[in-house]
Amino acid sequence: MPRDRPITLEGLLLIESGQLVLRMPDGGQWRLLGIGGQRRLVGRRVRIDGVRERHDVVAVERMTPL
């Protein structure tokens, strides 16, 4: 998957070592660069719209609870 490209993901929002992560249904996960106010969604399934920054990092533009 190319970097710096729009990406949409769905999964479980968690915090690991102080970092927001999105756990995917297949067991993979993405580290998230947030836009603030997203910790209230921890433990819930969410849809992420953002831009892939690095191998496993997404800069979040929008986060929607499912």
N, C-alpha and C. Protein backbone atom coordinates (compact mmCIF):
# COMPACT_ATOMS: atom_id res chain seq x y z
N MET A 1 0.86 -1.18 0.00
CA MET A 1 0.00 0.00 0.00
C MET A 1 0.90 1.24 0.00
N PRO A 2 0.68 2.16 -0.95
CA PRO A 2 1.52 3.36 -1.01
C PRO A 2 1.34 4.26 0.21
N ARG A 3 2.39 4.96 0.55
CA ARG A 3 2.33 5.92 1.65
C ARG A 3 1.79 7.25 1.15
N ASP A 4 1.39 8.10 2.10
CA ASP A 4 0.84 9.42 1.78
C ASP A 4 -0.38 9.32 0.88
N ARG A 5 -1.15 8.27 1.06
CA ARG A 5 -2.37 8.07 0.29
C ARG A 5 -3.55 7.99 1.24
N PRO A 6 -4.72 8.45 0.81
CA PRO A 6 -5.90 8.32 1.67
C PRO A 6 -6.17 6.85 2.00
N ILE A 7 -6.68 6.62 3.21
CA ILE A 7 -6.96 5.27 3.66
C ILE A 7 -8.18 5.31 4.57
N THR A 8 -9.02 4.28 4.46
CA THR A 8 -10.17 4.12 5.34
C THR A 8 -10.06 2.75 5.98
N LEU A 9 -10.16 2.71 7.32
CA LEU A 9 -10.02 1.46 8.07
C LEU A 9 -11.14 1.35 9.09
N GLU A 10 -11.48 0.11 9.47
CA GLU A 10 -12.44 -0.13 10.54
C GLU A 10 -11.84 -1.14 11.50
N GLY A 11 -11.98 -0.86 12.80
CA GLY A 11 -11.46 -1.77 13.80
C GLY A 11 -11.75 -1.28 15.20
N LEU A 12 -11.08 -1.87 16.18
CA LEU A 12 -11.26 -1.56 17.59
C LEU A 12 -10.20 -0.56 18.03
N LEU A 13 -10.62 0.57 18.59
CA LEU A 13 -9.69 1.60 19.05
C LEU A 13 -9.20 1.24 20.45
N LEU A 14 -7.89 1.20 20.61
CA LEU A 14 -7.26 0.87 21.89
C LEU A 14 -6.14 1.84 22.19
N ILE A 15 -5.65 1.78 23.44
CA ILE A 15 -4.44 2.51 23.82
C ILE A 15 -3.41 1.48 24.25
N GLU A 16 -2.22 1.55 23.67
CA GLU A 16 -1.10 0.68 24.04
C GLU A 16 0.12 1.55 24.25
N SER A 17 0.69 1.49 25.43
CA SER A 17 1.86 2.29 25.78
C SER A 17 1.62 3.77 25.53
N GLY A 18 0.42 4.24 25.84
CA GLY A 18 0.08 5.64 25.69
C GLY A 18 -0.23 6.08 24.27
N GLN A 19 -0.21 5.16 23.32
CA GLN A 19 -0.42 5.44 21.90
C GLN A 19 -1.78 4.90 21.46
N LEU A 20 -2.56 5.70 20.72
CA LEU A 20 -3.79 5.20 20.13
C LEU A 20 -3.44 4.20 19.03
N VAL A 21 -4.11 3.05 19.04
CA VAL A 21 -3.92 2.04 17.99
C VAL A 21 -5.29 1.55 17.54
N LEU A 22 -5.33 1.12 16.30
CA LEU A 22 -6.53 0.53 15.74
C LEU A 22 -6.25 -0.94 15.48
N ARG A 23 -6.93 -1.82 16.22
CA ARG A 23 -6.77 -3.26 16.05
C ARG A 23 -7.74 -3.74 15.00
N MET A 24 -7.21 -4.35 13.97
CA MET A 24 -8.00 -4.81 12.84
C MET A 24 -8.59 -6.20 13.12
N PRO A 25 -9.68 -6.55 12.45
CA PRO A 25 -10.29 -7.87 12.65
C PRO A 25 -9.34 -9.03 12.34
N ASP A 26 -8.36 -8.83 11.45
CA ASP A 26 -7.42 -9.90 11.10
C ASP A 26 -6.26 -10.00 12.09
N GLY A 27 -6.26 -9.14 13.14
CA GLY A 27 -5.21 -9.19 14.15
C GLY A 27 -4.11 -8.17 13.97
N GLY A 28 -4.04 -7.54 12.80
CA GLY A 28 -3.05 -6.49 12.57
C GLY A 28 -3.45 -5.23 13.32
N GLN A 29 -2.54 -4.26 13.35
CA GLN A 29 -2.90 -2.99 13.97
C GLN A 29 -2.15 -1.84 13.35
N TRP A 30 -2.74 -0.64 13.49
CA TRP A 30 -2.18 0.60 13.00
C TRP A 30 -1.99 1.54 14.18
N ARG A 31 -0.86 2.26 14.21
CA ARG A 31 -0.66 3.34 15.18
C ARG A 31 -1.32 4.58 14.59
N LEU A 32 -1.97 5.36 15.45
CA LEU A 32 -2.73 6.51 14.97
C LEU A 32 -2.16 7.82 15.48
N LEU A 33 -2.07 8.78 14.59
CA LEU A 33 -1.76 10.16 14.95
C LEU A 33 -3.10 10.87 15.01
N GLY A 34 -3.54 11.21 16.21
CA GLY A 34 -4.90 11.70 16.41
C GLY A 34 -5.08 13.18 16.20
N ILE A 35 -6.35 13.57 16.21
CA ILE A 35 -6.72 14.96 16.06
C ILE A 35 -7.34 15.52 17.34
N GLY A 36 -7.26 14.77 18.43
CA GLY A 36 -7.78 15.22 19.72
C GLY A 36 -9.21 14.79 19.97
N GLY A 37 -9.53 14.55 21.24
CA GLY A 37 -10.88 14.18 21.63
C GLY A 37 -11.28 12.76 21.27
N GLN A 38 -10.32 11.95 20.86
CA GLN A 38 -10.64 10.61 20.40
C GLN A 38 -10.56 9.55 21.50
N ARG A 39 -9.98 9.89 22.62
CA ARG A 39 -9.84 8.90 23.69
C ARG A 39 -11.19 8.46 24.25
N ARG A 40 -12.22 9.27 24.06
CA ARG A 40 -13.55 8.87 24.53
C ARG A 40 -14.08 7.67 23.76
N LEU A 41 -13.48 7.37 22.61
CA LEU A 41 -13.91 6.25 21.79
C LEU A 41 -13.10 4.98 22.04
N VAL A 42 -12.15 5.02 22.96
CA VAL A 42 -11.32 3.85 23.26
C VAL A 42 -12.22 2.71 23.72
N GLY A 43 -11.96 1.53 23.18
CA GLY A 43 -12.75 0.35 23.51
C GLY A 43 -13.94 0.14 22.59
N ARG A 44 -14.11 1.04 21.62
CA ARG A 44 -15.23 0.94 20.68
C ARG A 44 -14.72 0.68 19.27
N ARG A 45 -15.61 0.11 18.46
CA ARG A 45 -15.29 -0.05 17.04
C ARG A 45 -15.47 1.30 16.35
N VAL A 46 -14.53 1.63 15.49
CA VAL A 46 -14.55 2.92 14.80
C VAL A 46 -14.16 2.76 13.34
N ARG A 47 -14.52 3.77 12.55
CA ARG A 47 -14.04 3.89 11.17
C ARG A 47 -13.08 5.08 11.15
N ILE A 48 -11.93 4.86 10.56
CA ILE A 48 -10.89 5.88 10.45
C ILE A 48 -10.75 6.30 9.00
N ASP A 49 -10.77 7.60 8.76
CA ASP A 49 -10.40 8.16 7.46
C ASP A 49 -9.16 8.99 7.71
N GLY A 50 -8.13 8.74 6.92
CA GLY A 50 -6.89 9.47 7.13
C GLY A 50 -5.91 9.27 6.00
N VAL A 51 -4.65 9.51 6.32
CA VAL A 51 -3.57 9.40 5.35
C VAL A 51 -2.49 8.51 5.94
N ARG A 52 -2.06 7.53 5.16
CA ARG A 52 -0.99 6.65 5.61
C ARG A 52 0.32 7.44 5.62
N GLU A 53 0.98 7.45 6.80
CA GLU A 53 2.22 8.22 6.96
C GLU A 53 3.46 7.34 6.82
N ARG A 54 3.43 6.21 7.50
CA ARG A 54 4.56 5.26 7.47
C ARG A 54 3.98 3.86 7.39
N HIS A 55 4.85 2.87 7.52
CA HIS A 55 4.45 1.47 7.37
C HIS A 55 3.19 1.13 8.16
N ASP A 56 3.13 1.54 9.42
CA ASP A 56 1.99 1.18 10.27
C ASP A 56 1.37 2.39 10.98
N VAL A 57 1.50 3.57 10.37
CA VAL A 57 1.02 4.81 11.00
C VAL A 57 0.02 5.51 10.08
N VAL A 58 -1.11 5.92 10.66
CA VAL A 58 -2.12 6.68 9.93
C VAL A 58 -2.35 8.01 10.64
N ALA A 59 -2.29 9.10 9.89
CA ALA A 59 -2.65 10.42 10.40
C ALA A 59 -4.17 10.53 10.24
N VAL A 60 -4.89 10.57 11.36
CA VAL A 60 -6.35 10.54 11.35
C VAL A 60 -6.91 11.91 10.97
N GLU A 61 -7.81 11.90 9.99
CA GLU A 61 -8.53 13.11 9.60
C GLU A 61 -9.94 13.09 10.18
N ARG A 62 -10.52 11.88 10.27
CA ARG A 62 -11.86 11.75 10.84
C ARG A 62 -11.99 10.36 11.47
N MET A 63 -12.65 10.31 12.63
CA MET A 63 -12.90 9.05 13.32
C MET A 63 -14.38 9.01 13.67
N THR A 64 -15.05 7.93 13.26
CA THR A 64 -16.48 7.80 13.44
C THR A 64 -16.78 6.51 14.20
N PRO A 65 -17.56 6.56 15.29
CA PRO A 65 -17.94 5.31 15.96
C PRO A 65 -18.87 4.48 15.08
N LEU A 66 -18.74 3.17 15.19
CA LEU A 66 -19.62 2.26 14.41
C LEU A 66 -20.69 1.68 15.30
